[in-house]
C-alpha atoms as a PDB file:
ATOM      1  CA  UNK A   1       4.632  48.371 -37.223  1.00  0.00           C
ATOM      2  CA  UNK A   2       5.765  48.489 -33.194  1.00  0.00           C
ATOM      3  CA  UNK A   3       3.513  48.620 -30.317  1.00  0.00           C
ATOM      4  CA  UNK A   4       3.606  52.082 -28.899  1.00  0.00           C
ATOM      5  CA  UNK A   5       3.753  51.046 -25.424  1.00  0.00           C
ATOM      6  CA  UNK A   6       5.942  48.108 -25.623  1.00  0.00           C
ATOM      7  CA  UNK A   7       7.927  48.598 -28.752  1.00  0.00           C
ATOM      8  CA  UNK A   8       7.075  45.034 -30.215  1.00  0.00           C
ATOM      9  CA  UNK A   9       5.831  44.266 -33.378  1.00  0.00           C
ATOM     10  CA  UNK A  10       2.209  43.085 -33.379  1.00  0.00           C
ATOM     11  CA  UNK A  11       2.934  39.468 -34.192  1.00  0.00           C
ATOM     12  CA  UNK A  12       5.808  39.303 -31.770  1.00  0.00           C
ATOM     13  CA  UNK A  13       3.311  40.743 -29.035  1.00  0.00           C
ATOM     14  CA  UNK A  14       0.783  37.759 -29.912  1.00  0.00           C
ATOM     15  CA  UNK A  15       3.443  35.089 -30.301  1.00  0.00           C
ATOM     16  CA  UNK A  16       4.448  36.180 -26.306  1.00  0.00           C
ATOM     17  CA  UNK A  17       0.777  35.768 -25.164  1.00  0.00           C
ATOM     18  CA  UNK A  18       0.354  39.823 -24.503  1.00  0.00           C
ATOM     19  CA  UNK A  19      -1.671  40.346 -27.831  1.00  0.00           C
ATOM     20  CA  UNK A  20      -5.604  39.569 -28.747  1.00  0.00           C
ATOM     21  CA  UNK A  21      -6.561  38.423 -25.215  1.00  0.00           C
ATOM     22  CA  UNK A  22     -10.313  38.677 -24.763  1.00  0.00           C
ATOM     23  CA  UNK A  23     -11.400  41.042 -22.338  1.00  0.00           C
ATOM     24  CA  UNK A  24     -13.639  38.348 -20.864  1.00  0.00           C
ATOM     25  CA  UNK A  25     -10.545  35.926 -20.251  1.00  0.00           C
ATOM     26  CA  UNK A  26      -8.522  38.812 -18.929  1.00  0.00           C
ATOM     27  CA  UNK A  27     -11.488  39.485 -16.272  1.00  0.00           C
ATOM     28  CA  UNK A  28     -11.918  35.926 -15.400  1.00  0.00           C
ATOM     29  CA  UNK A  29      -8.226  35.450 -14.758  1.00  0.00           C
ATOM     30  CA  UNK A  30      -7.810  38.423 -12.652  1.00  0.00           C
ATOM     31  CA  UNK A  31     -10.853  37.424 -10.836  1.00  0.00           C
ATOM     32  CA  UNK A  32     -10.197  33.805 -10.404  1.00  0.00           C
ATOM     33  CA  UNK A  33     -13.199  32.551 -12.310  1.00  0.00           C
ATOM     34  CA  UNK A  34     -13.388  29.502 -14.231  1.00  0.00           C
ATOM     35  CA  UNK A  35     -14.772  29.212 -17.986  1.00  0.00           C
ATOM     36  CA  UNK A  36     -17.939  27.354 -18.934  1.00  0.00           C
ATOM     37  CA  UNK A  37     -15.547  24.795 -20.351  1.00  0.00           C
ATOM     38  CA  UNK A  38     -13.852  24.042 -17.331  1.00  0.00           C
ATOM     39  CA  UNK A  39     -17.034  23.937 -15.240  1.00  0.00           C
ATOM     40  CA  UNK A  40     -18.175  21.290 -17.786  1.00  0.00           C
ATOM     41  CA  UNK A  41     -15.231  19.119 -17.590  1.00  0.00           C
ATOM     42  CA  UNK A  42     -15.033  19.619 -13.722  1.00  0.00           C
ATOM     43  CA  UNK A  43     -18.687  18.327 -13.726  1.00  0.00           C
ATOM     44  CA  UNK A  44     -18.163  15.322 -15.830  1.00  0.00           C
ATOM     45  CA  UNK A  45     -15.265  14.583 -13.464  1.00  0.00           C
ATOM     46  CA  UNK A  46     -17.721  14.332 -10.485  1.00  0.00           C
ATOM     47  CA  UNK A  47     -19.864  12.461 -12.385  1.00  0.00           C
ATOM     48  CA  UNK A  48     -17.176   9.717 -13.453  1.00  0.00           C
ATOM     49  CA  UNK A  49     -15.939   9.535  -9.587  1.00  0.00           C
ATOM     50  CA  UNK A  50     -19.720   9.109  -8.336  1.00  0.00           C
ATOM     51  CA  UNK A  51     -20.383   6.530 -10.870  1.00  0.00           C
ATOM     52  CA  UNK A  52     -17.055   4.729  -9.975  1.00  0.00           C
ATOM     53  CA  UNK A  53     -17.928   5.107  -6.312  1.00  0.00           C
ATOM     54  CA  UNK A  54     -21.690   4.089  -6.658  1.00  0.00           C
ATOM     55  CA  UNK A  55     -20.534   0.887  -8.847  1.00  0.00           C
ATOM     56  CA  UNK A  56     -17.875  -0.302  -6.341  1.00  0.00           C
ATOM     57  CA  UNK A  57     -20.822   0.065  -3.546  1.00  0.00           C
ATOM     58  CA  UNK A  58     -23.765  -1.625  -5.675  1.00  0.00           C
ATOM     59  CA  UNK A  59     -21.393  -4.680  -6.246  1.00  0.00           C
ATOM     60  CA  UNK A  60     -20.733  -5.221  -2.830  1.00  0.00           C
ATOM     61  CA  UNK A  61     -24.390  -4.814  -1.855  1.00  0.00           C
ATOM     62  CA  UNK A  62     -25.451  -7.054  -4.668  1.00  0.00           C
ATOM     63  CA  UNK A  63     -23.085  -9.873  -3.538  1.00  0.00           C
ATOM     64  CA  UNK A  64     -23.941  -9.552   0.082  1.00  0.00           C
ATOM     65  CA  UNK A  65     -27.804  -9.203  -0.801  1.00  0.00           C
ATOM     66  CA  UNK A  66     -27.269 -12.469  -3.048  1.00  0.00           C
ATOM     67  CA  UNK A  67     -25.502 -14.316  -0.601  1.00  0.00           C
ATOM     68  CA  UNK A  68     -28.003 -13.783   2.312  1.00  0.00           C
ATOM     69  CA  UNK A  69     -30.643 -14.710  -0.211  1.00  0.00           C
ATOM     70  CA  UNK A  70     -29.508 -17.774  -1.209  1.00  0.00           C
ATOM     71  CA  UNK A  71     -28.677 -18.700   2.439  1.00  0.00           C
ATOM     72  CA  UNK A  72     -32.029 -17.849   3.516  1.00  0.00           C
ATOM     73  CA  UNK A  73     -33.726 -20.176   0.625  1.00  0.00           C
ATOM     74  CA  UNK A  74     -31.293 -23.164   1.317  1.00  0.00           C
ATOM     75  CA  UNK A  75     -29.614 -22.758  -1.978  1.00  0.00           C
ATOM     76  CA  UNK A  76     -26.229 -22.985   0.004  1.00  0.00           C
ATOM     77  CA  UNK A  77     -26.012 -24.361   3.308  1.00  0.00           C
ATOM     78  CA  UNK A  78     -25.173 -21.398   5.915  1.00  0.00           C
ATOM     79  CA  UNK A  79     -23.494 -23.552   8.274  1.00  0.00           C
ATOM     80  CA  UNK A  80     -20.874 -24.158   5.798  1.00  0.00           C
ATOM     81  CA  UNK A  81     -20.746 -20.889   3.632  1.00  0.00           C
ATOM     82  CA  UNK A  82     -21.904 -18.603   6.404  1.00  0.00           C
ATOM     83  CA  UNK A  83     -24.324 -15.646   5.936  1.00  0.00           C
ATOM     84  CA  UNK A  84     -23.930 -12.083   6.301  1.00  0.00           C
ATOM     85  CA  UNK A  85     -26.577 -11.958   8.988  1.00  0.00           C
ATOM     86  CA  UNK A  86     -24.653 -14.793  10.815  1.00  0.00           C
ATOM     87  CA  UNK A  87     -21.446 -13.375  10.532  1.00  0.00           C
ATOM     88  CA  UNK A  88     -22.825  -9.764  11.792  1.00  0.00           C
ATOM     89  CA  UNK A  89     -24.280 -11.464  14.800  1.00  0.00           C
ATOM     90  CA  UNK A  90     -21.003 -13.279  15.466  1.00  0.00           C
ATOM     91  CA  UNK A  91     -18.951  -9.894  15.471  1.00  0.00           C
ATOM     92  CA  UNK A  92     -21.482  -8.363  17.698  1.00  0.00           C
ATOM     93  CA  UNK A  93     -21.293 -11.093  19.956  1.00  0.00           C
ATOM     94  CA  UNK A  94     -17.108 -10.787  20.217  1.00  0.00           C
ATOM     95  CA  UNK A  95     -17.852  -7.097  20.450  1.00  0.00           C
ATOM     96  CA  UNK A  96     -20.134  -7.434  23.547  1.00  0.00           C
ATOM     97  CA  UNK A  97     -17.860  -9.789  25.478  1.00  0.00           C
ATOM     98  CA  UNK A  98     -14.978  -7.632  24.473  1.00  0.00           C
ATOM     99  CA  UNK A  99     -12.626 -10.609  23.352  1.00  0.00           C
ATOM    100  CA  UNK A 100     -12.117  -9.389  19.717  1.00  0.00           C
ATOM    101  CA  UNK A 101     -10.253  -6.409  20.969  1.00  0.00           C
ATOM    102  CA  UNK A 102      -7.819  -8.713  22.504  1.00  0.00           C
ATOM    103  CA  UNK A 103      -7.225 -10.703  19.141  1.00  0.00           C
ATOM    104  CA  UNK A 104      -7.412  -7.632  16.956  1.00  0.00           C
ATOM    105  CA  UNK A 105      -4.494  -5.805  19.097  1.00  0.00           C
ATOM    106  CA  UNK A 106      -2.262  -8.693  19.120  1.00  0.00           C
ATOM    107  CA  UNK A 107      -2.555  -9.124  15.272  1.00  0.00           C
ATOM    108  CA  UNK A 108      -2.332  -5.543  14.480  1.00  0.00           C
ATOM    109  CA  UNK A 109       0.878  -5.311  16.819  1.00  0.00           C
ATOM    110  CA  UNK A 110       2.786  -8.179  15.163  1.00  0.00           C
ATOM    111  CA  UNK A 111       1.747  -6.910  11.825  1.00  0.00           C
ATOM    112  CA  UNK A 112       2.994  -3.583  12.426  1.00  0.00           C
ATOM    113  CA  UNK A 113       6.367  -4.688  14.124  1.00  0.00           C
ATOM    114  CA  UNK A 114       6.887  -6.990  11.313  1.00  0.00           C
ATOM    115  CA  UNK A 115       6.134  -4.411   8.877  1.00  0.00           C
ATOM    116  CA  UNK A 116       8.126  -1.673   9.862  1.00  0.00           C
ATOM    117  CA  UNK A 117      11.154  -4.048  10.728  1.00  0.00           C
ATOM    118  CA  UNK A 118      11.148  -5.586   7.067  1.00  0.00           C
ATOM    119  CA  UNK A 119      10.890  -1.902   5.665  1.00  0.00           C
ATOM    120  CA  UNK A 120      13.729  -0.609   7.770  1.00  0.00           C
ATOM    121  CA  UNK A 121      16.020  -3.387   7.306  1.00  0.00           C
ATOM    122  CA  UNK A 122      15.278  -3.798   3.547  1.00  0.00           C
ATOM    123  CA  UNK A 123      15.800  -0.388   2.754  1.00  0.00           C
ATOM    124  CA  UNK A 124      19.126  -0.246   4.744  1.00  0.00           C
ATOM    125  CA  UNK A 125      20.270  -3.362   3.103  1.00  0.00           C
ATOM    126  CA  UNK A 126      19.216  -2.068  -0.309  1.00  0.00           C
ATOM    127  CA  UNK A 127      21.345   1.112   0.262  1.00  0.00           C
ATOM    128  CA  UNK A 128      24.698  -0.675   1.123  1.00  0.00           C
ATOM    129  CA  UNK A 129      24.083  -3.057  -1.780  1.00  0.00           C
ATOM    130  CA  UNK A 130      23.610  -0.123  -3.928  1.00  0.00           C
ATOM    131  CA  UNK A 131      26.756   1.467  -2.408  1.00  0.00           C
ATOM    132  CA  UNK A 132      28.944  -1.406  -3.230  1.00  0.00           C
ATOM    133  CA  UNK A 133      28.302  -3.318  -6.446  1.00  0.00           C
ATOM    134  CA  UNK A 134      30.777  -5.805  -5.820  1.00  0.00           C
ATOM    135  CA  UNK A 135      28.294  -7.009  -2.820  1.00  0.00           C
ATOM    136  CA  UNK A 136      25.322  -6.646  -4.869  1.00  0.00           C
ATOM    137  CA  UNK A 137      26.830  -9.243  -7.431  1.00  0.00           C
ATOM    138  CA  UNK A 138      27.923 -11.401  -4.920  1.00  0.00           C
ATOM    139  CA  UNK A 139      24.842 -11.270  -2.640  1.00  0.00           C
ATOM    140  CA  UNK A 140      22.355 -11.236  -5.957  1.00  0.00           C
ATOM    141  CA  UNK A 141      21.823 -15.046  -6.413  1.00  0.00           C
ATOM    142  CA  UNK A 142      21.323 -15.557  -2.678  1.00  0.00           C
ATOM    143  CA  UNK A 143      18.583 -12.683  -2.363  1.00  0.00           C
ATOM    144  CA  UNK A 144      16.685 -14.484  -5.523  1.00  0.00           C
ATOM    145  CA  UNK A 145      16.717 -17.897  -3.764  1.00  0.00           C
ATOM    146  CA  UNK A 146      15.557 -16.621  -0.402  1.00  0.00           C
ATOM    147  CA  UNK A 147      13.054 -14.977  -2.003  1.00  0.00           C
ATOM    148  CA  UNK A 148      11.493 -18.063  -3.897  1.00  0.00           C
ATOM    149  CA  UNK A 149      11.883 -20.097  -0.878  1.00  0.00           C
ATOM    150  CA  UNK A 150       8.472 -20.593   0.954  1.00  0.00           C
ATOM    151  CA  UNK A 151       8.602 -19.208   4.372  1.00  0.00           C
ATOM    152  CA  UNK A 152       6.244 -21.475   6.188  1.00  0.00           C
ATOM    153  CA  UNK A 153       9.238 -24.223   5.575  1.00  0.00           C
ATOM    154  CA  UNK A 154      11.093 -22.138   8.168  1.00  0.00           C
ATOM    155  CA  UNK A 155       8.311 -22.541  10.596  1.00  0.00           C
ATOM    156  CA  UNK A 156       9.915 -25.587  12.738  1.00  0.00           C
ATOM    157  CA  UNK A 157      13.215 -23.842  12.919  1.00  0.00           C
ATOM    158  CA  UNK A 158      11.777 -20.243  13.881  1.00  0.00           C
ATOM    159  CA  UNK A 159       9.773 -21.937  16.537  1.00  0.00           C
ATOM    160  CA  UNK A 160      12.715 -23.823  17.666  1.00  0.00           C
ATOM    161  CA  UNK A 161      14.854 -20.583  17.776  1.00  0.00           C
ATOM    162  CA  UNK A 162      12.505 -18.022  18.765  1.00  0.00           C
ATOM    163  CA  UNK A 163      10.004 -20.246  21.048  1.00  0.00           C
ATOM    164  CA  UNK A 164       6.277 -20.338  20.605  1.00  0.00           C
ATOM    165  CA  UNK A 165       5.425 -16.268  21.751  1.00  0.00           C
ATOM    166  CA  UNK A 166       4.725 -13.332  19.921  1.00  0.00           C
ATOM    167  CA  UNK A 167       8.915 -13.213  18.885  1.00  0.00           C
ATOM    168  CA  UNK A 168       8.290 -16.388  16.595  1.00  0.00           C
ATOM    169  CA  UNK A 169       5.249 -14.496  14.764  1.00  0.00           C
ATOM    170  CA  UNK A 170       7.019 -11.356  14.455  1.00  0.00           C
ATOM    171  CA  UNK A 171      10.076 -12.931  13.120  1.00  0.00           C
ATOM    172  CA  UNK A 172       7.990 -15.035  10.400  1.00  0.00           C
ATOM    173  CA  UNK A 173       6.467 -11.412   9.480  1.00  0.00           C
ATOM    174  CA  UNK A 174       9.773  -9.995   9.007  1.00  0.00           C
ATOM    175  CA  UNK A 175      11.033 -12.698   6.859  1.00  0.00           C
ATOM    176  CA  UNK A 176       8.049 -12.760   4.398  1.00  0.00           C
ATOM    177  CA  UNK A 177       8.287  -9.125   3.687  1.00  0.00           C
ATOM    178  CA  UNK A 178      12.222  -8.337   4.241  1.00  0.00           C
ATOM    179  CA  UNK A 179      13.752  -9.875   1.035  1.00  0.00           C
ATOM    180  CA  UNK A 180      10.897  -8.116  -1.277  1.00  0.00           C
ATOM    181  CA  UNK A 181      11.746  -4.750   0.597  1.00  0.00           C
ATOM    182  CA  UNK A 182      15.627  -5.334  -0.147  1.00  0.00           C
ATOM    183  CA  UNK A 183      14.896  -6.441  -4.073  1.00  0.00           C
ATOM    184  CA  UNK A 184      12.148  -3.577  -4.577  1.00  0.00           C
ATOM    185  CA  UNK A 185      14.336  -0.791  -3.318  1.00  0.00           C
ATOM    186  CA  UNK A 186      17.549  -2.099  -5.047  1.00  0.00           C
ATOM    187  CA  UNK A 187      15.964  -2.236  -8.445  1.00  0.00           C
ATOM    188  CA  UNK A 188      14.528   1.520  -7.783  1.00  0.00           C
ATOM    189  CA  UNK A 189      18.137   2.647  -6.928  1.00  0.00           C
ATOM    190  CA  UNK A 190      19.474   1.040  -9.617  1.00  0.00           C
ATOM    191  CA  UNK A 191      16.982   2.337 -12.148  1.00  0.00           C
ATOM    192  CA  UNK A 192      18.295   5.800 -11.451  1.00  0.00           C
ATOM    193  CA  UNK A 193      18.806   7.936 -14.588  1.00  0.00           C
ATOM    194  CA  UNK A 194      22.724   7.146 -15.482  1.00  0.00           C
ATOM    195  CA  UNK A 195      23.152  10.403 -17.226  1.00  0.00           C
ATOM    196  CA  UNK A 196      22.397  12.189 -14.245  1.00  0.00           C
ATOM    197  CA  UNK A 197      24.688  10.360 -12.200  1.00  0.00           C
ATOM    198  CA  UNK A 198      27.391  11.266 -14.632  1.00  0.00           C
ATOM    199  CA  UNK A 199      26.524  14.735 -14.491  1.00  0.00           C
ATOM    200  CA  UNK A 200      26.701  14.974 -10.617  1.00  0.00           C
ATOM    201  CA  UNK A 201      30.127  13.253 -11.001  1.00  0.00           C
ATOM    202  CA  UNK A 202      31.238  15.555 -13.476  1.00  0.00           C
ATOM    203  CA  UNK A 203      30.210  18.529 -11.176  1.00  0.00           C
ATOM    204  CA  UNK A 204      32.579  16.794  -8.341  1.00  0.00           C
ATOM    205  CA  UNK A 205      29.437  15.441  -6.204  1.00  0.00           C
ATOM    206  CA  UNK A 206      30.701  12.598  -3.832  1.00  0.00           C
ATOM    207  CA  UNK A 207      28.804   9.300  -3.795  1.00  0.00           C
ATOM    208  CA  UNK A 208      26.968  10.277  -0.542  1.00  0.00           C
ATOM    209  CA  UNK A 209      25.925  13.432  -2.168  1.00  0.00           C
ATOM    210  CA  UNK A 210      24.591  11.365  -5.550  1.00  0.00           C
ATOM    211  CA  UNK A 211      22.460   9.155  -2.735  1.00  0.00           C
ATOM    212  CA  UNK A 212      20.878  11.777  -0.881  1.00  0.00           C
ATOM    213  CA  UNK A 213      20.426  14.367  -3.788  1.00  0.00           C
ATOM    214  CA  UNK A 214      19.430  12.365  -6.745  1.00  0.00           C
ATOM    215  CA  UNK A 215      19.151   8.370  -5.960  1.00  0.00           C
ATOM    216  CA  UNK A 216      16.855   8.722  -2.740  1.00  0.00           C
ATOM    217  CA  UNK A 217      14.701  11.367  -4.189  1.00  0.00           C
ATOM    218  CA  UNK A 218      13.940   9.781  -7.545  1.00  0.00           C
ATOM    219  CA  UNK A 219      13.283   6.436  -5.707  1.00  0.00           C
ATOM    220  CA  UNK A 220      10.377   8.041  -3.631  1.00  0.00           C
ATOM    221  CA  UNK A 221       7.412   6.568  -5.711  1.00  0.00           C
ATOM    222  CA  UNK A 222       9.101   3.116  -5.746  1.00  0.00           C
ATOM    223  CA  UNK A 223       9.295   3.234  -1.980  1.00  0.00           C
ATOM    224  CA  UNK A 224       5.575   4.137  -1.484  1.00  0.00           C
ATOM    225  CA  UNK A 225       4.974   1.068  -3.931  1.00  0.00           C
ATOM    226  CA  UNK A 226       7.307  -1.157  -1.680  1.00  0.00           C
ATOM    227  CA  UNK A 227       5.368  -0.135   1.292  1.00  0.00           C
ATOM    228  CA  UNK A 228       1.926  -1.350  -0.223  1.00  0.00           C
ATOM    229  CA  UNK A 229       3.451  -4.526  -1.210  1.00  0.00           C
ATOM    230  CA  UNK A 230       5.277  -5.015   2.306  1.00  0.00           C
ATOM    231  CA  UNK A 231       2.144  -4.364   3.918  1.00  0.00           C
ATOM    232  CA  UNK A 232       0.181  -6.821   2.287  1.00  0.00           C
ATOM    233  CA  UNK A 233       2.854  -9.402   2.798  1.00  0.00           C
ATOM    234  CA  UNK A 234       3.023  -8.242   6.725  1.00  0.00           C
ATOM    235  CA  UNK A 235      -0.457  -9.412   7.054  1.00  0.00           C
ATOM    236  CA  UNK A 236       0.511 -12.679   5.427  1.00  0.00           C
ATOM    237  CA  UNK A 237       3.261 -13.320   7.598  1.00  0.00           C
ATOM    238  CA  UNK A 238       1.516 -12.608  10.425  1.00  0.00           C
ATOM    239  CA  UNK A 239      -1.320 -14.482  10.167  1.00  0.00           C
ATOM    240  CA  UNK A 240       0.247 -17.354   8.646  1.00  0.00           C
ATOM    241  CA  UNK A 241       2.820 -17.127  11.998  1.00  0.00           C
ATOM    242  CA  UNK A 242      -0.505 -17.252  14.057  1.00  0.00           C
ATOM    243  CA  UNK A 243      -1.353 -20.295  12.095  1.00  0.00           C
ATOM    244  CA  UNK A 244       1.734 -22.018  13.357  1.00  0.00           C
ATOM    245  CA  UNK A 245       1.804 -20.945  16.875  1.00  0.00           C
ATOM    246  CA  UNK A 246      -0.325 -18.211  18.756  1.00  0.00           C
ATOM    247  CA  UNK A 247      -2.417 -18.240  21.756  1.00  0.00           C
ATOM    248  CA  UNK A 248      -4.365 -15.070  20.563  1.00  0.00           C
ATOM    249  CA  UNK A 249      -4.895 -13.108  17.282  1.00  0.00           C
ATOM    250  CA  UNK A 250      -7.197 -13.221  14.112  1.00  0.00           C
ATOM    251  CA  UNK A 251      -5.023 -16.145  12.767  1.00  0.00           C
ATOM    252  CA  UNK A 252      -5.790 -18.076  16.183  1.00  0.00           C
ATOM    253  CA  UNK A 253      -9.614 -17.687  15.936  1.00  0.00           C
ATOM    254  CA  UNK A 254      -9.560 -18.502  12.320  1.00  0.00           C
ATOM    255  CA  UNK A 255      -7.496 -21.637  13.355  1.00  0.00           C
ATOM    256  CA  UNK A 256      -9.830 -22.213  16.487  1.00  0.00           C
ATOM    257  CA  UNK A 257     -13.086 -21.643  14.505  1.00  0.00           C
ATOM    258  CA  UNK A 258     -12.223 -24.149  11.718  1.00  0.00           C
ATOM    259  CA  UNK A 259     -11.235 -26.891  14.611  1.00  0.00           C
ATOM    260  CA  UNK A 260     -14.740 -26.602  16.328  1.00  0.00           C
ATOM    261  CA  UNK A 261     -16.509 -25.809  13.139  1.00  0.00           C
ATOM    262  CA  UNK A 262     -17.426 -22.453  13.755  1.00  0.00           C
ATOM    263  CA  UNK A 263     -17.333 -21.316  10.476  1.00  0.00           C
ATOM    264  CA  UNK A 264     -19.107 -18.128  11.220  1.00  0.00           C
ATOM    265  CA  UNK A 265     -16.063 -17.259  13.691  1.00  0.00           C
ATOM    266  CA  UNK A 266     -13.770 -18.115  10.663  1.00  0.00           C
ATOM    267  CA  UNK A 267     -15.788 -15.670   8.265  1.00  0.00           C
ATOM    268  CA  UNK A 268     -15.837 -12.880  10.842  1.00  0.00           C
ATOM    269  CA  UNK A 269     -11.974 -12.946  11.428  1.00  0.00           C
ATOM    270  CA  UNK A 270     -11.499 -12.934   7.787  1.00  0.00           C
ATOM    271  CA  UNK A 271     -13.967 -10.035   7.536  1.00  0.00           C
ATOM    272  CA  UNK A 272     -12.289  -7.870  10.118  1.00  0.00           C
ATOM    273  CA  UNK A 273      -8.850  -8.828   8.631  1.00  0.00           C
ATOM    274  CA  UNK A 274     -10.248  -7.169   5.088  1.00  0.00           C
ATOM    275  CA  UNK A 275     -11.319  -4.120   7.144  1.00  0.00           C
ATOM    276  CA  UNK A 276      -7.860  -3.853   8.921  1.00  0.00           C
ATOM    277  CA  UNK A 277      -5.846  -4.415   5.645  1.00  0.00           C
ATOM    278  CA  UNK A 278      -7.936  -1.857   4.000  1.00  0.00           C
ATOM    279  CA  UNK A 279      -7.661   0.729   6.411  1.00  0.00           C
ATOM    280  CA  UNK A 280      -3.849   0.323   6.808  1.00  0.00           C
ATOM    281  CA  UNK A 281      -3.402   0.626   2.938  1.00  0.00           C
ATOM    282  CA  UNK A 282      -5.608   3.649   2.872  1.00  0.00           C
ATOM    283  CA  UNK A 283      -3.565   5.377   5.425  1.00  0.00           C
ATOM    284  CA  UNK A 284      -0.425   4.699   3.002  1.00  0.00           C
ATOM    285  CA  UNK A 285      -2.363   6.079   0.195  1.00  0.00           C
ATOM    286  CA  UNK A 286      -3.414   9.180   2.106  1.00  0.00           C
ATOM    287  CA  UNK A 287       0.473   9.729   2.856  1.00  0.00           C
ATOM    288  CA  UNK A 288       1.329   9.107  -0.705  1.00  0.00           C
ATOM    289  CA  UNK A 289      -0.972  11.430  -1.835  1.00  0.00           C
ATOM    290  CA  UNK A 290       0.174  14.260   0.841  1.00  0.00           C
ATOM    291  CA  UNK A 291       3.784  13.616  -0.453  1.00  0.00           C
ATOM    292  CA  UNK A 292       3.008  13.916  -4.281  1.00  0.00           C
ATOM    293  CA  UNK A 293       0.923  17.208  -3.522  1.00  0.00           C
ATOM    294  CA  UNK A 294       4.197  18.541  -1.990  1.00  0.00           C
ATOM    295  CA  UNK A 295       6.264  17.563  -4.794  1.00  0.00           C
END
């Protein structure tokens, strides 16, 4: 028996999703409402998010409170370990005299400059190595060796070659992240689906078209992960460079505080570094979320 409106059998109509639809569901669909099951699911999802965030904040408050309590009762020596109250007072003092902004600005500038140079240069080199399979096979052992090399060992050479200014610190920052950026992006480019590459070749696509239409878009997630990795390495490189040679910066404050036994200053600089690194990581995460929504 066929439906008199569409000319389809009832079973075909049900199979196509057009039959036996409850009127209540149709009304909700047209009015944009959600079902009670969906409401329950969203409510549970919000509860889980609140639980996770509350747990994170609770652990932080517990650790800070325990640290302060142990320092107050004398279980730990606040001169050696510091305490939250002493660190807060030290940061407030640095803010009042305005010296902290100079040190923060110097370190952030060195970190960002080294980060962008490492990411840009590493991505370009990875593209060139993907383009030339011969060059990739020739240079691969050198990349592995350079990646394993402790960059701090190059400190004396960097000072001799680039001097004792900010240039040496930026070079150190670039060196720490460059090889990692190259190897991560090269692995991402090489992991592109071979069948899709063959399909594009069979359709007459050039190597440049394969690169721009398939390889680069397929490596977007790997690129975002590489940004997160290189950001952490950029902080390592800039602070390591400031340990070796610097007259300003958070790394300089850490070294100076350790030399004169101002451990509150050391802990304050480390805490500020944590906040800055977390803020930059959060910015990259927001960019990643925005791009994933546009996908």
